[in-house]
């Protein structure tokens, strides 16, 4: 009895490789990395927030975990200070 290698297995393996490569190049939103985003002393402006979010989007970040580090100083470093969860932010 002579056995011949099956081409269907190699075609299936090639399809899986291509699919895996595509998934790696364009990951779904649920697999994208997140970043820690620190607001030090509530010293960030709305324009800086927009710029940071745009940079995160262009770097394909899936999200950000926002952490304020200390509140606004007295006097604040910027006016108005960016108090997390305030009506302005």
PDB file of N, CA and C in Angstrom:
ATOM      1  N   UNK A   1       0.832  -1.170   0.000  1.00  0.00           N
ATOM      2  CA  UNK A   1       0.000   0.000   0.000  1.00  0.00           C
ATOM      3  C   UNK A   1       0.882   1.240   0.000  1.00  0.00           C
ATOM      4  N   UNK A   2       0.565   2.183  -0.869  1.00  0.00           N
ATOM      5  CA  UNK A   2       1.320   3.427  -0.981  1.00  0.00           C
ATOM      6  C   UNK A   2       0.426   4.568  -0.486  1.00  0.00           C
ATOM      7  N   UNK A   3       0.972   5.394   0.398  1.00  0.00           N
ATOM      8  CA  UNK A   3       0.233   6.532   0.925  1.00  0.00           C
ATOM      9  C   UNK A   3       0.753   7.820   0.289  1.00  0.00           C
ATOM     10  N   UNK A   4      -0.145   8.662  -0.108  1.00  0.00           N
ATOM     11  CA  UNK A   4       0.229   9.946  -0.678  1.00  0.00           C
ATOM     12  C   UNK A   4      -0.181  11.054   0.303  1.00  0.00           C
ATOM     13  N   UNK A   5       0.666  12.029   0.491  1.00  0.00           N
ATOM     14  CA  UNK A   5       0.309  13.100   1.418  1.00  0.00           C
ATOM     15  C   UNK A   5      -0.944  13.834   0.945  1.00  0.00           C
ATOM     16  N   UNK A   6      -1.753  14.208   1.885  1.00  0.00           N
ATOM     17  CA  UNK A   6      -2.999  14.893   1.576  1.00  0.00           C
ATOM     18  C   UNK A   6      -2.738  16.388   1.388  1.00  0.00           C
ATOM     19  N   UNK A   7      -3.252  16.924   0.307  1.00  0.00           N
ATOM     20  CA  UNK A   7      -3.101  18.361   0.079  1.00  0.00           C
ATOM     21  C   UNK A   7      -4.134  19.142   0.870  1.00  0.00           C
ATOM     22  N   UNK A   8      -5.220  18.500   1.268  1.00  0.00           N
ATOM     23  CA  UNK A   8      -6.248  19.230   2.017  1.00  0.00           C
ATOM     24  C   UNK A   8      -5.720  19.674   3.380  1.00  0.00           C
ATOM     25  N   UNK A   9      -4.855  18.877   4.017  1.00  0.00           N
ATOM     26  CA  UNK A   9      -4.285  19.280   5.302  1.00  0.00           C
ATOM     27  C   UNK A   9      -3.406  20.511   5.129  1.00  0.00           C
ATOM     28  N   UNK A  10      -2.541  20.509   4.121  1.00  0.00           N
ATOM     29  CA  UNK A  10      -1.643  21.655   3.931  1.00  0.00           C
ATOM     30  C   UNK A  10      -2.425  22.901   3.540  1.00  0.00           C
ATOM     31  N   UNK A  11      -3.502  22.756   2.784  1.00  0.00           N
ATOM     32  CA  UNK A  11      -4.322  23.914   2.445  1.00  0.00           C
ATOM     33  C   UNK A  11      -5.007  24.466   3.690  1.00  0.00           C
ATOM     34  N   UNK A  12      -5.487  23.568   4.536  1.00  0.00           N
ATOM     35  CA  UNK A  12      -6.125  23.990   5.777  1.00  0.00           C
ATOM     36  C   UNK A  12      -5.122  24.700   6.678  1.00  0.00           C
ATOM     37  N   UNK A  13      -3.912  24.159   6.789  1.00  0.00           N
ATOM     38  CA  UNK A  13      -2.875  24.786   7.616  1.00  0.00           C
ATOM     39  C   UNK A  13      -2.510  26.166   7.071  1.00  0.00           C
ATOM     40  N   UNK A  14      -2.441  26.297   5.750  1.00  0.00           N
ATOM     41  CA  UNK A  14      -2.139  27.595   5.146  1.00  0.00           C
ATOM     42  C   UNK A  14      -3.239  28.603   5.428  1.00  0.00           C
ATOM     43  N   UNK A  15      -4.507  28.180   5.355  1.00  0.00           N
ATOM     44  CA  UNK A  15      -5.637  29.071   5.659  1.00  0.00           C
ATOM     45  C   UNK A  15      -5.575  29.530   7.110  1.00  0.00           C
ATOM     46  N   UNK A  16      -5.266  28.603   8.020  1.00  0.00           N
ATOM     47  CA  UNK A  16      -5.169  28.964   9.426  1.00  0.00           C
ATOM     48  C   UNK A  16      -4.040  29.960   9.657  1.00  0.00           C
ATOM     49  N   UNK A  17      -2.922  29.776   8.951  1.00  0.00           N
ATOM     50  CA  UNK A  17      -1.787  30.688   9.090  1.00  0.00           C
ATOM     51  C   UNK A  17      -2.167  32.080   8.602  1.00  0.00           C
ATOM     52  N   UNK A  18      -2.831  32.156   7.462  1.00  0.00           N
ATOM     53  CA  UNK A  18      -3.258  33.440   6.915  1.00  0.00           C
ATOM     54  C   UNK A  18      -4.242  34.110   7.862  1.00  0.00           C
ATOM     55  N   UNK A  19      -5.222  33.351   8.392  1.00  0.00           N
ATOM     56  CA  UNK A  19      -6.193  33.924   9.322  1.00  0.00           C
ATOM     57  C   UNK A  19      -5.507  34.429  10.590  1.00  0.00           C
ATOM     58  N   UNK A  20      -4.542  33.686  11.115  1.00  0.00           N
ATOM     59  CA  UNK A  20      -3.827  34.095  12.309  1.00  0.00           C
ATOM     60  C   UNK A  20      -3.024  35.363  12.038  1.00  0.00           C
ATOM     61  N   UNK A  21      -2.383  35.435  10.895  1.00  0.00           N
ATOM     62  CA  UNK A  21      -1.627  36.639  10.544  1.00  0.00           C
ATOM     63  C   UNK A  21      -2.552  37.843  10.428  1.00  0.00           C
ATOM     64  N   UNK A  22      -3.717  37.666   9.809  1.00  0.00           N
ATOM     65  CA  UNK A  22      -4.671  38.772   9.683  1.00  0.00           C
ATOM     66  C   UNK A  22      -5.174  39.221  11.046  1.00  0.00           C
ATOM     67  N   UNK A  23      -5.463  38.266  11.925  1.00  0.00           N
ATOM     68  CA  UNK A  23      -5.917  38.623  13.271  1.00  0.00           C
ATOM     69  C   UNK A  23      -4.835  39.372  14.040  1.00  0.00           C
ATOM     70  N   UNK A  24      -3.574  39.001  13.829  1.00  0.00           N
ATOM     71  CA  UNK A  24      -2.478  39.682  14.515  1.00  0.00           C
ATOM     72  C   UNK A  24      -2.301  41.099  13.983  1.00  0.00           C
ATOM     73  N   UNK A  25      -2.430  41.262  12.664  1.00  0.00           N
ATOM     74  CA  UNK A  25      -2.255  42.583  12.054  1.00  0.00           C
ATOM     75  C   UNK A  25      -3.407  43.524  12.363  1.00  0.00           C
ATOM     76  N   UNK A  26      -4.614  42.992  12.459  1.00  0.00           N
ATOM     77  CA  UNK A  26      -5.792  43.821  12.743  1.00  0.00           C
ATOM     78  C   UNK A  26      -6.597  43.168  13.864  1.00  0.00           C
ATOM     79  N   UNK A  27      -6.138  43.320  15.104  1.00  0.00           N
ATOM     80  CA  UNK A  27      -6.835  42.669  16.217  1.00  0.00           C
ATOM     81  C   UNK A  27      -8.201  43.288  16.456  1.00  0.00           C
ATOM     82  N   UNK A  28      -9.086  42.506  17.010  1.00  0.00           N
ATOM     83  CA  UNK A  28     -10.397  43.012  17.371  1.00  0.00           C
ATOM     84  C   UNK A  28     -10.295  43.947  18.564  1.00  0.00           C
ATOM     85  N   UNK A  29     -11.323  44.742  18.788  1.00  0.00           N
ATOM     86  CA  UNK A  29     -11.309  45.702  19.894  1.00  0.00           C
ATOM     87  C   UNK A  29     -11.143  45.027  21.247  1.00  0.00           C
ATOM     88  N   UNK A  30     -11.635  43.799  21.377  1.00  0.00           N
ATOM     89  CA  UNK A  30     -11.547  43.116  22.664  1.00  0.00           C
ATOM     90  C   UNK A  30     -10.159  42.560  22.957  1.00  0.00           C
ATOM     91  N   UNK A  31      -9.234  42.640  22.003  1.00  0.00           N
ATOM     92  CA  UNK A  31      -7.887  42.119  22.226  1.00  0.00           C
ATOM     93  C   UNK A  31      -6.824  43.208  22.214  1.00  0.00           C
ATOM     94  N   UNK A  32      -7.218  44.448  22.024  1.00  0.00           N
ATOM     95  CA  UNK A  32      -6.236  45.533  21.982  1.00  0.00           C
ATOM     96  C   UNK A  32      -5.757  45.869  23.392  1.00  0.00           C
ATOM     97  N   UNK A  33      -4.499  46.299  23.511  1.00  0.00           N
ATOM     98  CA  UNK A  33      -3.979  46.634  24.840  1.00  0.00           C
ATOM     99  C   UNK A  33      -4.570  47.930  25.377  1.00  0.00           C
ATOM    100  N   UNK A  34      -4.582  48.046  26.681  1.00  0.00           N
ATOM    101  CA  UNK A  34      -5.018  49.259  27.367  1.00  0.00           C
ATOM    102  C   UNK A  34      -3.798  49.930  27.979  1.00  0.00           C
ATOM    103  N   UNK A  35      -3.947  51.184  28.346  1.00  0.00           N
ATOM    104  CA  UNK A  35      -2.864  51.933  28.977  1.00  0.00           C
ATOM    105  C   UNK A  35      -3.338  52.514  30.305  1.00  0.00           C
ATOM    106  N   UNK A  36      -2.394  52.768  31.189  1.00  0.00           N
ATOM    107  CA  UNK A  36      -2.670  53.538  32.402  1.00  0.00           C
ATOM    108  C   UNK A  36      -2.480  55.007  32.041  1.00  0.00           C
ATOM    109  N   UNK A  37      -3.431  55.831  32.372  1.00  0.00           N
ATOM    110  CA  UNK A  37      -3.396  57.249  32.013  1.00  0.00           C
ATOM    111  C   UNK A  37      -3.496  58.041  33.308  1.00  0.00           C
ATOM    112  N   UNK A  38      -2.409  58.684  33.681  1.00  0.00           N
ATOM    113  CA  UNK A  38      -2.347  59.421  34.938  1.00  0.00           C
ATOM    114  C   UNK A  38      -2.584  60.904  34.710  1.00  0.00           C
ATOM    115  N   UNK A  39      -3.419  61.497  35.537  1.00  0.00           N
ATOM    116  CA  UNK A  39      -3.601  62.948  35.575  1.00  0.00           C
ATOM    117  C   UNK A  39      -2.966  63.429  36.869  1.00  0.00           C
ATOM    118  N   UNK A  40      -1.782  64.004  36.771  1.00  0.00           N
ATOM    119  CA  UNK A  40      -1.054  64.474  37.949  1.00  0.00           C
ATOM    120  C   UNK A  40      -1.567  65.843  38.377  1.00  0.00           C
ATOM    121  N   UNK A  41      -1.949  65.964  39.605  1.00  0.00           N
ATOM    122  CA  UNK A  41      -2.380  67.227  40.210  1.00  0.00           C
ATOM    123  C   UNK A  41      -3.481  67.916  39.420  1.00  0.00           C
ATOM    124  N   UNK A  42      -4.315  67.165  38.732  1.00  0.00           N
ATOM    125  CA  UNK A  42      -5.424  67.709  37.931  1.00  0.00           C
ATOM    126  C   UNK A  42      -4.927  68.732  36.918  1.00  0.00           C
ATOM    127  N   UNK A  43      -3.688  68.561  36.464  1.00  0.00           N
ATOM    128  CA  UNK A  43      -3.063  69.537  35.570  1.00  0.00           C
ATOM    129  C   UNK A  43      -3.073  69.032  34.127  1.00  0.00           C
ATOM    130  N   UNK A  44      -4.240  69.035  33.516  1.00  0.00           N
ATOM    131  CA  UNK A  44      -4.372  68.668  32.107  1.00  0.00           C
ATOM    132  C   UNK A  44      -5.507  69.496  31.527  1.00  0.00           C
ATOM    133  N   UNK A  45      -5.320  69.942  30.296  1.00  0.00           N
ATOM    134  CA  UNK A  45      -6.346  70.764  29.649  1.00  0.00           C
ATOM    135  C   UNK A  45      -7.190  69.893  28.723  1.00  0.00           C
ATOM    136  N   UNK A  46      -8.312  70.441  28.288  1.00  0.00           N
ATOM    137  CA  UNK A  46      -9.164  69.698  27.345  1.00  0.00           C
ATOM    138  C   UNK A  46      -8.418  69.415  26.043  1.00  0.00           C
ATOM    139  N   UNK A  47      -7.605  70.376  25.571  1.00  0.00           N
ATOM    140  CA  UNK A  47      -6.827  70.140  24.351  1.00  0.00           C
ATOM    141  C   UNK A  47      -5.809  69.015  24.542  1.00  0.00           C
ATOM    142  N   UNK A  48      -5.191  68.949  25.716  1.00  0.00           N
ATOM    143  CA  UNK A  48      -4.241  67.865  25.994  1.00  0.00           C
ATOM    144  C   UNK A  48      -4.953  66.522  26.085  1.00  0.00           C
ATOM    145  N   UNK A  49      -6.145  66.521  26.641  1.00  0.00           N
ATOM    146  CA  UNK A  49      -6.929  65.279  26.703  1.00  0.00           C
ATOM    147  C   UNK A  49      -7.250  64.797  25.292  1.00  0.00           C
ATOM    148  N   UNK A  50      -7.698  65.715  24.435  1.00  0.00           N
ATOM    149  CA  UNK A  50      -8.003  65.349  23.044  1.00  0.00           C
ATOM    150  C   UNK A  50      -6.768  64.820  22.336  1.00  0.00           C
ATOM    151  N   UNK A  51      -5.612  65.469  22.546  1.00  0.00           N
ATOM    152  CA  UNK A  51      -4.370  65.029  21.900  1.00  0.00           C
ATOM    153  C   UNK A  51      -3.958  63.644  22.400  1.00  0.00           C
ATOM    154  N   UNK A  52      -4.081  63.416  23.708  1.00  0.00           N
ATOM    155  CA  UNK A  52      -3.736  62.100  24.258  1.00  0.00           C
ATOM    156  C   UNK A  52      -4.646  61.011  23.698  1.00  0.00           C
ATOM    157  N   UNK A  53      -5.951  61.295  23.639  1.00  0.00           N
ATOM    158  CA  UNK A  53      -6.893  60.302  23.105  1.00  0.00           C
ATOM    159  C   UNK A  53      -6.616  60.014  21.631  1.00  0.00           C
ATOM    160  N   UNK A  54      -6.282  61.045  20.864  1.00  0.00           N
ATOM    161  CA  UNK A  54      -5.947  60.845  19.440  1.00  0.00           C
ATOM    162  C   UNK A  54      -4.684  59.997  19.302  1.00  0.00           C
ATOM    163  N   UNK A  55      -3.695  60.244  20.154  1.00  0.00           N
ATOM    164  CA  UNK A  55      -2.458  59.453  20.107  1.00  0.00           C
ATOM    165  C   UNK A  55      -2.731  57.997  20.477  1.00  0.00           C
ATOM    166  N   UNK A  56      -3.590  57.785  21.479  1.00  0.00           N
ATOM    167  CA  UNK A  56      -3.943  56.413  21.858  1.00  0.00           C
ATOM    168  C   UNK A  56      -4.671  55.708  20.718  1.00  0.00           C
ATOM    169  N   UNK A  57      -5.558  56.430  20.051  1.00  0.00           N
ATOM    170  CA  UNK A  57      -6.308  55.849  18.937  1.00  0.00           C
ATOM    171  C   UNK A  57      -5.350  55.479  17.796  1.00  0.00           C
ATOM    172  N   UNK A  58      -4.412  56.374  17.473  1.00  0.00           N
ATOM    173  CA  UNK A  58      -3.488  56.087  16.362  1.00  0.00           C
ATOM    174  C   UNK A  58      -2.528  54.957  16.714  1.00  0.00           C
ATOM    175  N   UNK A  59      -2.273  54.752  18.005  1.00  0.00           N
ATOM    176  CA  UNK A  59      -1.426  53.634  18.439  1.00  0.00           C
ATOM    177  C   UNK A  59      -2.235  52.350  18.618  1.00  0.00           C
ATOM    178  N   UNK A  60      -3.527  52.414  18.272  1.00  0.00           N
ATOM    179  CA  UNK A  60      -4.431  51.259  18.326  1.00  0.00           C
ATOM    180  C   UNK A  60      -4.657  50.729  19.735  1.00  0.00           C
ATOM    181  N   UNK A  61      -4.678  51.629  20.696  1.00  0.00           N
ATOM    182  CA  UNK A  61      -4.987  51.222  22.064  1.00  0.00           C
ATOM    183  C   UNK A  61      -6.477  50.910  22.167  1.00  0.00           C
ATOM    184  N   UNK A  62      -6.810  49.941  22.966  1.00  0.00           N
ATOM    185  CA  UNK A  62      -8.202  49.556  23.134  1.00  0.00           C
ATOM    186  C   UNK A  62      -8.930  50.381  24.178  1.00  0.00           C
ATOM    187  N   UNK A  63      -8.180  51.035  25.052  1.00  0.00           N
ATOM    188  CA  UNK A  63      -8.797  51.843  26.089  1.00  0.00           C
ATOM    189  C   UNK A  63      -7.750  52.362  27.049  1.00  0.00           C
ATOM    190  N   UNK A  64      -8.225  53.096  28.027  1.00  0.00           N
ATOM    191  CA  UNK A  64      -7.328  53.669  29.024  1.00  0.00           C
ATOM    192  C   UNK A  64      -7.965  53.562  30.396  1.00  0.00           C
ATOM    193  N   UNK A  65      -7.163  53.293  31.373  1.00  0.00           N
ATOM    194  CA  UNK A  65      -7.596  53.275  32.757  1.00  0.00           C
ATOM    195  C   UNK A  65      -7.117  54.581  33.370  1.00  0.00           C
ATOM    196  N   UNK A  66      -8.030  55.486  33.613  1.00  0.00           N
ATOM    197  CA  UNK A  66      -7.708  56.833  34.082  1.00  0.00           C
ATOM    198  C   UNK A  66      -7.534  56.837  35.588  1.00  0.00           C
ATOM    199  N   UNK A  67      -6.392  57.375  36.027  1.00  0.00           N
ATOM    200  CA  UNK A  67      -6.113  57.469  37.461  1.00  0.00           C
ATOM    201  C   UNK A  67      -5.611  58.866  37.792  1.00  0.00           C
ATOM    202  N   UNK A  68      -6.368  59.609  38.573  1.00  0.00           N
ATOM    203  CA  UNK A  68      -5.850  60.895  39.035  1.00  0.00           C
ATOM    204  C   UNK A  68      -4.826  60.671  40.148  1.00  0.00           C
ATOM    205  N   UNK A  69      -3.725  61.385  40.084  1.00  0.00           N
ATOM    206  CA  UNK A  69      -2.700  61.316  41.118  1.00  0.00           C
ATOM    207  C   UNK A  69      -2.728  62.657  41.844  1.00  0.00           C
ATOM    208  N   UNK A  70      -3.214  62.654  43.032  1.00  0.00           N
ATOM    209  CA  UNK A  70      -3.431  63.851  43.838  1.00  0.00           C
ATOM    210  C   UNK A  70      -4.494  64.721  43.161  1.00  0.00           C
ATOM    211  N   UNK A  71      -5.040  65.621  43.875  1.00  0.00           N
ATOM    212  CA  UNK A  71      -5.984  66.571  43.311  1.00  0.00           C
ATOM    213  C   UNK A  71      -5.248  67.829  42.893  1.00  0.00           C
ATOM    214  N   UNK A  72      -6.015  68.848  42.644  1.00  0.00           N
ATOM    215  CA  UNK A  72      -5.420  70.123  42.249  1.00  0.00           C
ATOM    216  C   UNK A  72      -4.635  70.707  43.421  1.00  0.00           C
ATOM    217  N   UNK A  73      -3.503  71.305  43.094  1.00  0.00           N
ATOM    218  CA  UNK A  73      -2.718  71.982  44.115  1.00  0.00           C
ATOM    219  C   UNK A  73      -3.349  73.338  44.423  1.00  0.00           C
ATOM    220  N   UNK A  74      -2.896  73.962  45.477  1.00  0.00           N
ATOM    221  CA  UNK A  74      -3.379  75.293  45.813  1.00  0.00           C
ATOM    222  C   UNK A  74      -2.193  76.236  45.815  1.00  0.00           C
ATOM    223  N   UNK A  75      -2.060  77.105  44.867  1.00  0.00           N
ATOM    224  CA  UNK A  75      -2.948  77.327  43.734  1.00  0.00           C
ATOM    225  C   UNK A  75      -2.777  76.219  42.688  1.00  0.00           C
ATOM    226  N   UNK A  76      -3.800  75.975  41.845  1.00  0.00           N
ATOM    227  CA  UNK A  76      -3.707  74.909  40.830  1.00  0.00           C
ATOM    228  C   UNK A  76      -2.633  75.210  39.795  1.00  0.00           C
ATOM    229  N   UNK A  77      -2.053  74.154  39.248  1.00  0.00           N
ATOM    230  CA  UNK A  77      -1.023  74.313  38.216  1.00  0.00           C
ATOM    231  C   UNK A  77      -1.611  74.880  36.927  1.00  0.00           C
ATOM    232  N   UNK A  78      -2.865  74.536  36.633  1.00  0.00           N
ATOM    233  CA  UNK A  78      -3.577  75.113  35.486  1.00  0.00           C
ATOM    234  C   UNK A  78      -4.943  75.557  35.980  1.00  0.00           C
ATOM    235  N   UNK A  79      -5.545  76.463  35.252  1.00  0.00           N
ATOM    236  CA  UNK A  79      -6.855  76.963  35.662  1.00  0.00           C
ATOM    237  C   UNK A  79      -7.810  76.901  34.491  1.00  0.00           C
ATOM    238  N   UNK A  80      -8.907  76.206  34.584  1.00  0.00           N
ATOM    239  CA  UNK A  80      -9.373  75.450  35.741  1.00  0.00           C
ATOM    240  C   UNK A  80      -8.694  74.086  35.803  1.00  0.00           C
ATOM    241  N   UNK A  81      -8.546  73.543  36.997  1.00  0.00           N
ATOM    242  CA  UNK A  81      -7.971  72.208  37.115  1.00  0.00           C
ATOM    243  C   UNK A  81      -8.937  71.147  36.573  1.00  0.00           C
ATOM    244  N   UNK A  82      -8.387  70.036  36.135  1.00  0.00           N
ATOM    245  CA  UNK A  82      -9.194  68.946  35.564  1.00  0.00           C
ATOM    246  C   UNK A  82      -9.515  67.943  36.663  1.00  0.00           C
ATOM    247  N   UNK A  83     -10.583  68.191  37.372  1.00  0.00           N
ATOM    248  CA  UNK A  83     -10.997  67.284  38.442  1.00  0.00           C
ATOM    249  C   UNK A  83     -11.777  66.129  37.821  1.00  0.00           C
ATOM    250  N   UNK A  84     -11.250  64.924  37.975  1.00  0.00           N
ATOM    251  CA  UNK A  84     -11.909  63.744  37.409  1.00  0.00           C
ATOM    252  C   UNK A  84     -13.323  63.621  37.972  1.00  0.00           C
ATOM    253  N   UNK A  85     -14.259  63.277  37.096  1.00  0.00           N
ATOM    254  CA  UNK A  85     -15.674  63.067  37.387  1.00  0.00           C
ATOM    255  C   UNK A  85     -16.407  64.347  37.758  1.00  0.00           C
ATOM    256  N   UNK A  86     -15.799  65.490  37.538  1.00  0.00           N
ATOM    257  CA  UNK A  86     -16.502  66.753  37.752  1.00  0.00           C
ATOM    258  C   UNK A  86     -17.396  67.007  36.530  1.00  0.00           C
ATOM    259  N   UNK A  87     -18.363  67.910  36.609  1.00  0.00           N
ATOM    260  CA  UNK A  87     -19.237  68.183  35.464  1.00  0.00           C
ATOM    261  C   UNK A  87     -18.459  68.602  34.196  1.00  0.00           C
ATOM    262  N   UNK A  88     -17.327  69.280  34.371  1.00  0.00           N
ATOM    263  CA  UNK A  88     -16.535  69.704  33.208  1.00  0.00           C
ATOM    264  C   UNK A  88     -15.806  68.533  32.555  1.00  0.00           C
ATOM    265  N   UNK A  89     -15.484  67.519  33.330  1.00  0.00           N
ATOM    266  CA  UNK A  89     -14.723  66.402  32.793  1.00  0.00           C
ATOM    267  C   UNK A  89     -15.464  65.118  33.024  1.00  0.00           C
TER     268      UNK A  89
END
